[in-house]
Amino acid sequence: MNELRQAGRIVRYHTHPTIQPQTVAAHSHGVAMIVWRIYGDKVSSNLLMAALTHDLAEKAIGDVPAPVKWNNPGLMTEFRRLEDQYNKLNHIDFALTEEESLILKIADTLELLEYCYDEFSMGNKGIQEIIDRGKEHLRSKLVPRLDTEVPVQYKALSVINQTMDEFRVSHPELVFSCVD
C-alpha cells in the first residue's frame, strides 16, 4: 500500500515549467471528479477506481510526455505493457467497458486542460503548447468516438462543451474550440 501512496506524490509536467506543481494524486482526484460529473451516482466503482489509479504506474516507469508516446507507437505499446504489468502486480487493474475507457480518457484530457487553464490564469503563458495539444487530442481523437445517441456519452459531450465555454469566458485569448 505504501508503494501506491507514494505513487500519488509523483510530480507531473516535469519537462515543462509550471507555477504550481501538480502531483499524480491531485490529477487523479480531478479526473475522478470529472467522471462523477459525467455519470453522477451511476458511475461504476471500477471506473471511479480506475480514475483514481490510472497514472500510479508512473511511480515505476516515469511520467513520459504524451507526445513522446504518440509519436512512437512501439514505445507506447511497451509503456502500456509495463503499466498493465504494474497495475496487475498492485491489484489496480480495473475492468472497464469500452465506453468507460473512452470516458476515462476524456476525463483525463479535460483535467489536463483544467490544470493548464489554472496555470495560464496564474501567468504561465508557456503552457499554451500543452493546451493546444490537449485540445487537439480531445477534438480529433476522443470526441469523434462519442455516440451522442447514448445518454452518458451525450452527457460527456455536454461536460466538454461546458468546460470549454468556461475557459472561453475567462480567457478568450486561449481560443478554446475543441468541439465543432
N, C-alpha and C. Protein backbone atom coordinates (compact mmCIF):
# COMPACT_ATOMS: atom_id res chain seq x y z
N MET A 1 0.82 -1.21 0.00
CA MET A 1 0.00 0.00 0.00
C MET A 1 0.86 1.27 0.00
N ASN A 2 1.99 1.20 0.68
CA ASN A 2 2.87 2.36 0.73
C ASN A 2 3.34 2.75 -0.67
N GLU A 3 3.61 1.74 -1.51
CA GLU A 3 4.03 1.98 -2.89
C GLU A 3 2.99 2.83 -3.63
N LEU A 4 1.71 2.47 -3.46
CA LEU A 4 0.64 3.19 -4.16
C LEU A 4 0.47 4.60 -3.60
N ARG A 5 0.61 4.76 -2.30
CA ARG A 5 0.52 6.11 -1.71
C ARG A 5 1.63 6.99 -2.25
N GLN A 6 2.84 6.43 -2.29
CA GLN A 6 3.98 7.20 -2.79
C GLN A 6 3.83 7.53 -4.28
N ALA A 7 3.19 6.66 -5.02
CA ALA A 7 2.98 6.92 -6.44
C ALA A 7 2.17 8.19 -6.66
N GLY A 8 1.26 8.49 -5.75
CA GLY A 8 0.46 9.71 -5.85
C GLY A 8 1.28 10.98 -5.71
N ARG A 9 2.49 10.85 -5.19
CA ARG A 9 3.35 12.02 -4.99
C ARG A 9 4.20 12.36 -6.20
N ILE A 10 4.15 11.53 -7.22
CA ILE A 10 4.92 11.80 -8.44
C ILE A 10 4.45 13.14 -9.01
N VAL A 11 5.41 13.98 -9.40
CA VAL A 11 5.08 15.30 -9.95
C VAL A 11 4.96 15.20 -11.46
N ARG A 12 3.86 15.73 -11.96
CA ARG A 12 3.60 15.74 -13.40
C ARG A 12 4.28 16.96 -14.06
N TYR A 13 4.32 16.96 -15.37
CA TYR A 13 4.86 18.08 -16.16
C TYR A 13 6.32 18.37 -15.82
N HIS A 14 7.09 17.33 -15.56
CA HIS A 14 8.49 17.54 -15.18
C HIS A 14 9.34 18.07 -16.33
N THR A 15 8.85 18.01 -17.55
CA THR A 15 9.62 18.53 -18.69
C THR A 15 9.15 19.92 -19.11
N HIS A 16 8.24 20.50 -18.34
CA HIS A 16 7.68 21.81 -18.70
C HIS A 16 7.59 22.66 -17.44
N PRO A 17 8.04 23.91 -17.49
CA PRO A 17 7.95 24.77 -16.30
C PRO A 17 6.49 25.03 -15.90
N THR A 18 6.23 24.89 -14.61
CA THR A 18 4.90 25.19 -14.09
C THR A 18 5.04 26.15 -12.90
N ILE A 19 3.97 26.85 -12.60
CA ILE A 19 3.94 27.75 -11.45
C ILE A 19 3.57 26.95 -10.21
N GLN A 20 2.56 26.15 -10.32
CA GLN A 20 2.06 25.32 -9.22
C GLN A 20 2.22 23.86 -9.62
N PRO A 21 3.15 23.12 -8.99
CA PRO A 21 3.31 21.71 -9.36
C PRO A 21 2.02 20.92 -9.16
N GLN A 22 1.84 19.89 -9.98
CA GLN A 22 0.67 19.01 -9.84
C GLN A 22 1.17 17.59 -9.64
N THR A 23 0.66 16.93 -8.61
CA THR A 23 1.01 15.53 -8.37
C THR A 23 0.03 14.61 -9.09
N VAL A 24 0.43 13.36 -9.22
CA VAL A 24 -0.45 12.35 -9.80
C VAL A 24 -1.73 12.25 -8.96
N ALA A 25 -1.60 12.36 -7.62
CA ALA A 25 -2.78 12.27 -6.76
C ALA A 25 -3.76 13.41 -7.03
N ALA A 26 -3.26 14.63 -7.17
CA ALA A 26 -4.14 15.77 -7.45
C ALA A 26 -4.81 15.61 -8.81
N HIS A 27 -4.03 15.19 -9.79
CA HIS A 27 -4.58 14.96 -11.13
C HIS A 27 -5.66 13.88 -11.10
N SER A 28 -5.36 12.76 -10.45
CA SER A 28 -6.30 11.64 -10.41
C SER A 28 -7.59 12.02 -9.70
N HIS A 29 -7.48 12.82 -8.65
CA HIS A 29 -8.68 13.31 -7.97
C HIS A 29 -9.53 14.13 -8.94
N GLY A 30 -8.89 15.00 -9.70
CA GLY A 30 -9.62 15.81 -10.68
C GLY A 30 -10.29 14.95 -11.73
N VAL A 31 -9.59 13.91 -12.20
CA VAL A 31 -10.17 13.00 -13.20
C VAL A 31 -11.40 12.31 -12.61
N ALA A 32 -11.29 11.84 -11.36
CA ALA A 32 -12.42 11.18 -10.71
C ALA A 32 -13.62 12.12 -10.57
N MET A 33 -13.36 13.39 -10.28
CA MET A 33 -14.46 14.36 -10.15
C MET A 33 -15.14 14.61 -11.49
N ILE A 34 -14.38 14.62 -12.57
CA ILE A 34 -14.97 14.79 -13.90
C ILE A 34 -15.79 13.56 -14.27
N VAL A 35 -15.28 12.37 -13.97
CA VAL A 35 -16.03 11.13 -14.21
C VAL A 35 -17.35 11.19 -13.43
N TRP A 36 -17.29 11.64 -12.19
CA TRP A 36 -18.51 11.76 -11.37
C TRP A 36 -19.47 12.78 -11.98
N ARG A 37 -18.90 13.86 -12.50
CA ARG A 37 -19.73 14.90 -13.14
C ARG A 37 -20.48 14.34 -14.34
N ILE A 38 -19.86 13.40 -15.05
CA ILE A 38 -20.50 12.81 -16.23
C ILE A 38 -21.52 11.75 -15.84
N TYR A 39 -21.16 10.86 -14.94
CA TYR A 39 -22.03 9.72 -14.60
C TYR A 39 -22.92 9.96 -13.39
N GLY A 40 -22.52 10.86 -12.49
CA GLY A 40 -23.28 11.01 -11.25
C GLY A 40 -23.25 9.72 -10.44
N ASP A 41 -24.33 9.44 -9.75
CA ASP A 41 -24.33 8.25 -8.88
C ASP A 41 -24.45 6.94 -9.65
N LYS A 42 -24.46 7.02 -10.98
CA LYS A 42 -24.48 5.80 -11.83
C LYS A 42 -23.07 5.32 -12.18
N VAL A 43 -22.04 6.02 -11.71
CA VAL A 43 -20.67 5.64 -12.04
C VAL A 43 -20.34 4.29 -11.40
N SER A 44 -19.66 3.45 -12.16
CA SER A 44 -19.27 2.14 -11.61
C SER A 44 -18.07 2.31 -10.68
N SER A 45 -17.98 1.43 -9.71
CA SER A 45 -16.83 1.50 -8.80
C SER A 45 -15.53 1.24 -9.56
N ASN A 46 -15.57 0.37 -10.58
CA ASN A 46 -14.36 0.12 -11.37
C ASN A 46 -13.89 1.38 -12.08
N LEU A 47 -14.82 2.14 -12.66
CA LEU A 47 -14.43 3.36 -13.37
C LEU A 47 -13.89 4.40 -12.38
N LEU A 48 -14.54 4.55 -11.25
CA LEU A 48 -14.07 5.52 -10.27
C LEU A 48 -12.68 5.14 -9.75
N MET A 49 -12.48 3.84 -9.48
CA MET A 49 -11.16 3.39 -9.03
C MET A 49 -10.11 3.54 -10.14
N ALA A 50 -10.49 3.26 -11.37
CA ALA A 50 -9.55 3.45 -12.49
C ALA A 50 -9.16 4.92 -12.61
N ALA A 51 -10.11 5.82 -12.41
CA ALA A 51 -9.81 7.25 -12.46
C ALA A 51 -8.80 7.63 -11.37
N LEU A 52 -8.98 7.05 -10.20
CA LEU A 52 -8.10 7.37 -9.07
C LEU A 52 -6.71 6.73 -9.18
N THR A 53 -6.59 5.68 -9.99
CA THR A 53 -5.32 4.94 -10.04
C THR A 53 -4.67 4.92 -11.42
N HIS A 54 -5.26 5.57 -12.41
CA HIS A 54 -4.82 5.38 -13.80
C HIS A 54 -3.38 5.78 -14.09
N ASP A 55 -2.77 6.63 -13.28
CA ASP A 55 -1.40 7.04 -13.53
C ASP A 55 -0.41 6.58 -12.46
N LEU A 56 -0.84 5.70 -11.56
CA LEU A 56 0.05 5.28 -10.48
C LEU A 56 1.27 4.50 -10.98
N ALA A 57 1.17 3.87 -12.14
CA ALA A 57 2.31 3.14 -12.69
C ALA A 57 3.48 4.07 -13.00
N GLU A 58 3.23 5.37 -13.05
CA GLU A 58 4.31 6.33 -13.28
C GLU A 58 5.36 6.26 -12.18
N LYS A 59 4.99 5.71 -11.03
CA LYS A 59 5.97 5.50 -9.95
C LYS A 59 7.08 4.59 -10.43
N ALA A 60 6.74 3.59 -11.22
CA ALA A 60 7.72 2.61 -11.69
C ALA A 60 8.35 2.98 -13.03
N ILE A 61 7.57 3.59 -13.93
CA ILE A 61 8.09 3.81 -15.30
C ILE A 61 8.27 5.28 -15.65
N GLY A 62 7.87 6.18 -14.76
CA GLY A 62 8.02 7.61 -15.01
C GLY A 62 6.85 8.20 -15.76
N ASP A 63 6.82 9.51 -15.79
CA ASP A 63 5.77 10.25 -16.49
C ASP A 63 6.33 10.67 -17.85
N VAL A 64 6.15 9.79 -18.81
CA VAL A 64 6.65 10.07 -20.17
C VAL A 64 5.67 11.04 -20.84
N PRO A 65 6.15 12.16 -21.36
CA PRO A 65 5.26 13.11 -22.02
C PRO A 65 4.44 12.45 -23.14
N ALA A 66 3.17 12.78 -23.21
CA ALA A 66 2.26 12.19 -24.19
C ALA A 66 2.78 12.26 -25.62
N PRO A 67 3.33 13.40 -26.08
CA PRO A 67 3.79 13.44 -27.48
C PRO A 67 4.86 12.39 -27.77
N VAL A 68 5.69 12.07 -26.79
CA VAL A 68 6.72 11.04 -26.99
C VAL A 68 6.04 9.71 -27.30
N LYS A 69 5.01 9.38 -26.52
CA LYS A 69 4.29 8.12 -26.75
C LYS A 69 3.51 8.17 -28.06
N TRP A 70 2.84 9.29 -28.33
CA TRP A 70 2.03 9.41 -29.54
C TRP A 70 2.88 9.28 -30.80
N ASN A 71 4.09 9.81 -30.76
CA ASN A 71 4.96 9.82 -31.94
C ASN A 71 5.81 8.56 -32.08
N ASN A 72 5.69 7.67 -31.13
CA ASN A 72 6.48 6.43 -31.14
C ASN A 72 5.58 5.25 -30.77
N PRO A 73 4.80 4.75 -31.72
CA PRO A 73 3.82 3.69 -31.42
C PRO A 73 4.42 2.47 -30.72
N GLY A 74 5.62 2.07 -31.11
CA GLY A 74 6.25 0.92 -30.47
C GLY A 74 6.55 1.19 -29.01
N LEU A 75 7.01 2.41 -28.75
CA LEU A 75 7.29 2.81 -27.37
C LEU A 75 6.00 2.87 -26.56
N MET A 76 4.93 3.38 -27.18
CA MET A 76 3.64 3.45 -26.50
C MET A 76 3.16 2.05 -26.12
N THR A 77 3.30 1.11 -27.04
CA THR A 77 2.89 -0.27 -26.78
C THR A 77 3.67 -0.84 -25.60
N GLU A 78 4.96 -0.58 -25.56
CA GLU A 78 5.80 -1.09 -24.45
C GLU A 78 5.41 -0.43 -23.13
N PHE A 79 5.16 0.88 -23.14
CA PHE A 79 4.75 1.54 -21.90
C PHE A 79 3.39 1.02 -21.42
N ARG A 80 2.48 0.77 -22.33
CA ARG A 80 1.19 0.18 -21.93
C ARG A 80 1.39 -1.18 -21.28
N ARG A 81 2.29 -1.98 -21.87
CA ARG A 81 2.56 -3.30 -21.31
C ARG A 81 3.12 -3.16 -19.89
N LEU A 82 4.07 -2.24 -19.71
CA LEU A 82 4.66 -2.03 -18.38
C LEU A 82 3.62 -1.50 -17.39
N GLU A 83 2.76 -0.58 -17.85
CA GLU A 83 1.69 -0.07 -16.98
C GLU A 83 0.74 -1.19 -16.58
N ASP A 84 0.35 -2.02 -17.54
CA ASP A 84 -0.54 -3.15 -17.24
C ASP A 84 0.11 -4.09 -16.23
N GLN A 85 1.38 -4.36 -16.43
CA GLN A 85 2.11 -5.24 -15.51
C GLN A 85 2.12 -4.65 -14.09
N TYR A 86 2.41 -3.37 -13.97
CA TYR A 86 2.43 -2.69 -12.67
C TYR A 86 1.04 -2.74 -12.03
N ASN A 87 0.02 -2.44 -12.84
CA ASN A 87 -1.35 -2.41 -12.31
C ASN A 87 -1.79 -3.79 -11.81
N LYS A 88 -1.45 -4.83 -12.56
CA LYS A 88 -1.78 -6.20 -12.13
C LYS A 88 -1.05 -6.56 -10.85
N LEU A 89 0.22 -6.26 -10.81
CA LEU A 89 1.04 -6.57 -9.64
C LEU A 89 0.49 -5.89 -8.38
N ASN A 90 -0.05 -4.68 -8.55
CA ASN A 90 -0.54 -3.90 -7.42
C ASN A 90 -2.06 -3.97 -7.25
N HIS A 91 -2.70 -4.86 -8.01
CA HIS A 91 -4.15 -5.10 -7.91
C HIS A 91 -4.97 -3.84 -8.17
N ILE A 92 -4.53 -3.07 -9.16
CA ILE A 92 -5.27 -1.87 -9.55
C ILE A 92 -5.61 -1.93 -11.04
N ASP A 93 -5.83 -3.13 -11.54
CA ASP A 93 -6.21 -3.32 -12.95
C ASP A 93 -7.72 -3.54 -13.01
N PHE A 94 -8.45 -2.47 -13.09
CA PHE A 94 -9.91 -2.50 -13.05
C PHE A 94 -10.48 -2.69 -14.45
N ALA A 95 -11.36 -3.67 -14.58
CA ALA A 95 -12.00 -3.94 -15.88
C ALA A 95 -12.99 -2.83 -16.20
N LEU A 96 -12.86 -2.28 -17.40
CA LEU A 96 -13.75 -1.20 -17.86
C LEU A 96 -14.41 -1.62 -19.16
N THR A 97 -15.62 -1.12 -19.36
CA THR A 97 -16.27 -1.30 -20.66
C THR A 97 -15.57 -0.37 -21.65
N GLU A 98 -15.84 -0.57 -22.92
CA GLU A 98 -15.28 0.31 -23.95
C GLU A 98 -15.70 1.76 -23.71
N GLU A 99 -16.98 1.94 -23.36
CA GLU A 99 -17.48 3.29 -23.08
C GLU A 99 -16.75 3.90 -21.88
N GLU A 100 -16.57 3.13 -20.81
CA GLU A 100 -15.89 3.65 -19.62
C GLU A 100 -14.45 4.02 -19.94
N SER A 101 -13.79 3.22 -20.75
CA SER A 101 -12.40 3.54 -21.15
C SER A 101 -12.34 4.86 -21.90
N LEU A 102 -13.30 5.10 -22.79
CA LEU A 102 -13.36 6.35 -23.53
C LEU A 102 -13.63 7.52 -22.58
N ILE A 103 -14.58 7.36 -21.69
CA ILE A 103 -14.92 8.44 -20.75
C ILE A 103 -13.71 8.75 -19.86
N LEU A 104 -12.98 7.72 -19.44
CA LEU A 104 -11.78 7.94 -18.63
C LEU A 104 -10.75 8.76 -19.41
N LYS A 105 -10.56 8.46 -20.67
CA LYS A 105 -9.60 9.22 -21.49
C LYS A 105 -10.06 10.67 -21.66
N ILE A 106 -11.35 10.86 -21.84
CA ILE A 106 -11.89 12.22 -21.96
C ILE A 106 -11.69 12.98 -20.65
N ALA A 107 -12.02 12.34 -19.53
CA ALA A 107 -11.87 12.99 -18.23
C ALA A 107 -10.39 13.32 -17.97
N ASP A 108 -9.50 12.42 -18.34
CA ASP A 108 -8.06 12.63 -18.19
C ASP A 108 -7.63 13.87 -18.97
N THR A 109 -8.09 13.99 -20.20
CA THR A 109 -7.72 15.13 -21.04
C THR A 109 -8.37 16.42 -20.54
N LEU A 110 -9.63 16.35 -20.11
CA LEU A 110 -10.28 17.56 -19.57
C LEU A 110 -9.56 18.05 -18.32
N GLU A 111 -9.13 17.12 -17.47
CA GLU A 111 -8.42 17.54 -16.25
C GLU A 111 -7.10 18.19 -16.62
N LEU A 112 -6.41 17.65 -17.62
CA LEU A 112 -5.18 18.27 -18.11
C LEU A 112 -5.46 19.71 -18.53
N LEU A 113 -6.54 19.90 -19.29
CA LEU A 113 -6.88 21.25 -19.74
C LEU A 113 -7.25 22.16 -18.58
N GLU A 114 -7.96 21.63 -17.59
CA GLU A 114 -8.32 22.46 -16.43
C GLU A 114 -7.07 22.89 -15.66
N TYR A 115 -6.13 21.97 -15.46
CA TYR A 115 -4.88 22.31 -14.80
C TYR A 115 -4.14 23.38 -15.60
N CYS A 116 -4.03 23.17 -16.90
CA CYS A 116 -3.33 24.13 -17.76
C CYS A 116 -4.03 25.49 -17.76
N TYR A 117 -5.35 25.48 -17.71
CA TYR A 117 -6.11 26.74 -17.61
C TYR A 117 -5.70 27.48 -16.34
N ASP A 118 -5.62 26.74 -15.22
CA ASP A 118 -5.20 27.37 -13.96
C ASP A 118 -3.79 27.95 -14.09
N GLU A 119 -2.89 27.19 -14.70
CA GLU A 119 -1.52 27.67 -14.91
C GLU A 119 -1.52 28.95 -15.75
N PHE A 120 -2.30 28.95 -16.82
CA PHE A 120 -2.38 30.12 -17.69
C PHE A 120 -2.92 31.32 -16.90
N SER A 121 -3.93 31.08 -16.07
CA SER A 121 -4.53 32.15 -15.26
C SER A 121 -3.53 32.76 -14.28
N MET A 122 -2.57 31.93 -13.84
CA MET A 122 -1.55 32.43 -12.90
C MET A 122 -0.38 33.09 -13.63
N GLY A 123 -0.44 33.12 -14.96
CA GLY A 123 0.59 33.82 -15.72
C GLY A 123 1.53 32.93 -16.51
N ASN A 124 1.32 31.62 -16.50
CA ASN A 124 2.20 30.71 -17.24
C ASN A 124 1.76 30.68 -18.71
N LYS A 125 2.28 31.60 -19.48
CA LYS A 125 1.91 31.68 -20.89
C LYS A 125 2.54 30.55 -21.70
N GLY A 126 3.61 29.96 -21.18
CA GLY A 126 4.27 28.85 -21.86
C GLY A 126 3.46 27.57 -21.87
N ILE A 127 2.41 27.52 -21.09
CA ILE A 127 1.58 26.31 -21.01
C ILE A 127 0.68 26.19 -22.24
N GLN A 128 0.64 27.24 -23.06
CA GLN A 128 -0.21 27.25 -24.25
C GLN A 128 0.05 26.05 -25.15
N GLU A 129 1.30 25.62 -25.26
CA GLU A 129 1.65 24.48 -26.10
C GLU A 129 0.92 23.21 -25.63
N ILE A 130 0.87 23.00 -24.33
CA ILE A 130 0.19 21.82 -23.79
C ILE A 130 -1.32 21.96 -23.96
N ILE A 131 -1.82 23.17 -23.79
CA ILE A 131 -3.26 23.43 -24.01
C ILE A 131 -3.63 23.07 -25.45
N ASP A 132 -2.83 23.55 -26.39
CA ASP A 132 -3.12 23.28 -27.80
C ASP A 132 -3.11 21.79 -28.11
N ARG A 133 -2.11 21.07 -27.59
CA ARG A 133 -2.05 19.61 -27.80
C ARG A 133 -3.24 18.91 -27.16
N GLY A 134 -3.62 19.33 -25.95
CA GLY A 134 -4.76 18.71 -25.27
C GLY A 134 -6.06 18.94 -26.02
N LYS A 135 -6.26 20.16 -26.49
CA LYS A 135 -7.46 20.47 -27.26
C LYS A 135 -7.52 19.64 -28.53
N GLU A 136 -6.39 19.55 -29.23
CA GLU A 136 -6.35 18.80 -30.48
C GLU A 136 -6.60 17.31 -30.24
N HIS A 137 -6.04 16.77 -29.19
CA HIS A 137 -6.26 15.36 -28.84
C HIS A 137 -7.75 15.12 -28.54
N LEU A 138 -8.34 16.00 -27.76
CA LEU A 138 -9.76 15.88 -27.43
C LEU A 138 -10.61 15.97 -28.69
N ARG A 139 -10.33 16.99 -29.52
CA ARG A 139 -11.14 17.25 -30.71
C ARG A 139 -10.97 16.18 -31.78
N SER A 140 -9.75 15.74 -32.02
CA SER A 140 -9.53 14.85 -33.16
C SER A 140 -9.56 13.36 -32.80
N LYS A 141 -9.21 13.01 -31.58
CA LYS A 141 -9.11 11.59 -31.22
C LYS A 141 -10.25 11.09 -30.33
N LEU A 142 -10.77 11.93 -29.44
CA LEU A 142 -11.73 11.44 -28.46
C LEU A 142 -13.18 11.79 -28.78
N VAL A 143 -13.45 13.06 -29.05
CA VAL A 143 -14.84 13.48 -29.33
C VAL A 143 -15.45 12.71 -30.51
N PRO A 144 -14.71 12.45 -31.59
CA PRO A 144 -15.31 11.71 -32.71
C PRO A 144 -15.76 10.29 -32.32
N ARG A 145 -15.24 9.76 -31.25
CA ARG A 145 -15.61 8.42 -30.82
C ARG A 145 -16.91 8.40 -29.99
N LEU A 146 -17.40 9.57 -29.61
CA LEU A 146 -18.63 9.64 -28.81
C LEU A 146 -19.85 9.35 -29.68
N ASP A 147 -20.75 8.57 -29.15
CA ASP A 147 -22.04 8.32 -29.78
C ASP A 147 -23.08 9.12 -29.01
N THR A 148 -23.50 10.25 -29.57
CA THR A 148 -24.40 11.15 -28.83
C THR A 148 -25.82 10.60 -28.70
N GLU A 149 -26.07 9.45 -29.29
CA GLU A 149 -27.36 8.79 -29.08
C GLU A 149 -27.38 8.03 -27.74
N VAL A 150 -26.21 7.80 -27.18
CA VAL A 150 -26.08 7.11 -25.88
C VAL A 150 -26.07 8.19 -24.80
N PRO A 151 -27.04 8.17 -23.86
CA PRO A 151 -27.18 9.26 -22.90
C PRO A 151 -25.90 9.66 -22.17
N VAL A 152 -25.14 8.71 -21.66
CA VAL A 152 -23.95 9.09 -20.90
C VAL A 152 -22.90 9.70 -21.81
N GLN A 153 -22.82 9.28 -23.06
CA GLN A 153 -21.85 9.86 -23.98
C GLN A 153 -22.30 11.26 -24.40
N TYR A 154 -23.60 11.45 -24.54
CA TYR A 154 -24.12 12.80 -24.80
C TYR A 154 -23.79 13.72 -23.62
N LYS A 155 -23.93 13.19 -22.40
CA LYS A 155 -23.60 13.96 -21.20
C LYS A 155 -22.12 14.31 -21.20
N ALA A 156 -21.26 13.39 -21.63
CA ALA A 156 -19.82 13.67 -21.70
C ALA A 156 -19.56 14.83 -22.65
N LEU A 157 -20.21 14.82 -23.80
CA LEU A 157 -20.06 15.91 -24.76
C LEU A 157 -20.53 17.23 -24.14
N SER A 158 -21.62 17.18 -23.39
CA SER A 158 -22.14 18.35 -22.70
C SER A 158 -21.12 18.89 -21.70
N VAL A 159 -20.48 17.99 -20.95
CA VAL A 159 -19.47 18.40 -19.98
C VAL A 159 -18.27 19.03 -20.70
N ILE A 160 -17.86 18.45 -21.81
CA ILE A 160 -16.76 19.01 -22.60
C ILE A 160 -17.12 20.43 -23.05
N ASN A 161 -18.30 20.58 -23.62
CA ASN A 161 -18.73 21.91 -24.09
C ASN A 161 -18.81 22.91 -22.95
N GLN A 162 -19.35 22.49 -21.82
CA GLN A 162 -19.47 23.38 -20.67
C GLN A 162 -18.09 23.80 -20.17
N THR A 163 -17.17 22.87 -20.11
CA THR A 163 -15.80 23.18 -19.67
C THR A 163 -15.14 24.16 -20.63
N MET A 164 -15.28 23.92 -21.92
CA MET A 164 -14.67 24.80 -22.91
C MET A 164 -15.31 26.19 -22.86
N ASP A 165 -16.63 26.25 -22.63
CA ASP A 165 -17.31 27.54 -22.51
C ASP A 165 -16.76 28.33 -21.32
N GLU A 166 -16.53 27.64 -20.19
CA GLU A 166 -15.96 28.31 -19.02
C GLU A 166 -14.60 28.90 -19.34
N PHE A 167 -13.78 28.15 -20.08
CA PHE A 167 -12.46 28.65 -20.47
C PHE A 167 -12.60 29.86 -21.38
N ARG A 168 -13.50 29.78 -22.36
CA ARG A 168 -13.68 30.86 -23.33
C ARG A 168 -14.08 32.16 -22.65
N VAL A 169 -14.98 32.07 -21.68
CA VAL A 169 -15.47 33.27 -20.99
C VAL A 169 -14.34 33.94 -20.21
N SER A 170 -13.56 33.14 -19.49
CA SER A 170 -12.49 33.69 -18.66
C SER A 170 -11.27 34.13 -19.45
N HIS A 171 -10.95 33.39 -20.52
CA HIS A 171 -9.75 33.69 -21.29
C HIS A 171 -10.00 33.53 -22.78
N PRO A 172 -10.69 34.51 -23.39
CA PRO A 172 -10.98 34.39 -24.82
C PRO A 172 -9.71 34.30 -25.68
N GLU A 173 -8.60 34.79 -25.14
CA GLU A 173 -7.35 34.73 -25.91
C GLU A 173 -6.85 33.30 -26.11
N LEU A 174 -7.36 32.35 -25.32
CA LEU A 174 -6.95 30.96 -25.48
C LEU A 174 -7.66 30.28 -26.65
N VAL A 175 -8.74 30.88 -27.12
CA VAL A 175 -9.48 30.36 -28.27
C VAL A 175 -9.75 28.86 -28.13
N PHE A 176 -10.56 28.53 -27.14
CA PHE A 176 -10.92 27.13 -26.94
C PHE A 176 -12.04 26.75 -27.88
N SER A 177 -11.77 25.85 -28.78
CA SER A 177 -12.81 25.36 -29.67
C SER A 177 -12.53 23.88 -29.97
N CYS A 178 -12.64 23.07 -28.93
CA CYS A 178 -12.36 21.63 -29.08
C CYS A 178 -13.44 20.93 -29.86
N VAL A 179 -14.66 21.38 -29.69
CA VAL A 179 -15.79 20.66 -30.26
C VAL A 179 -16.42 21.53 -31.33
N ASP A 180 -16.50 20.99 -32.54
CA ASP A 180 -17.08 21.76 -33.64
C ASP A 180 -18.59 21.84 -33.52
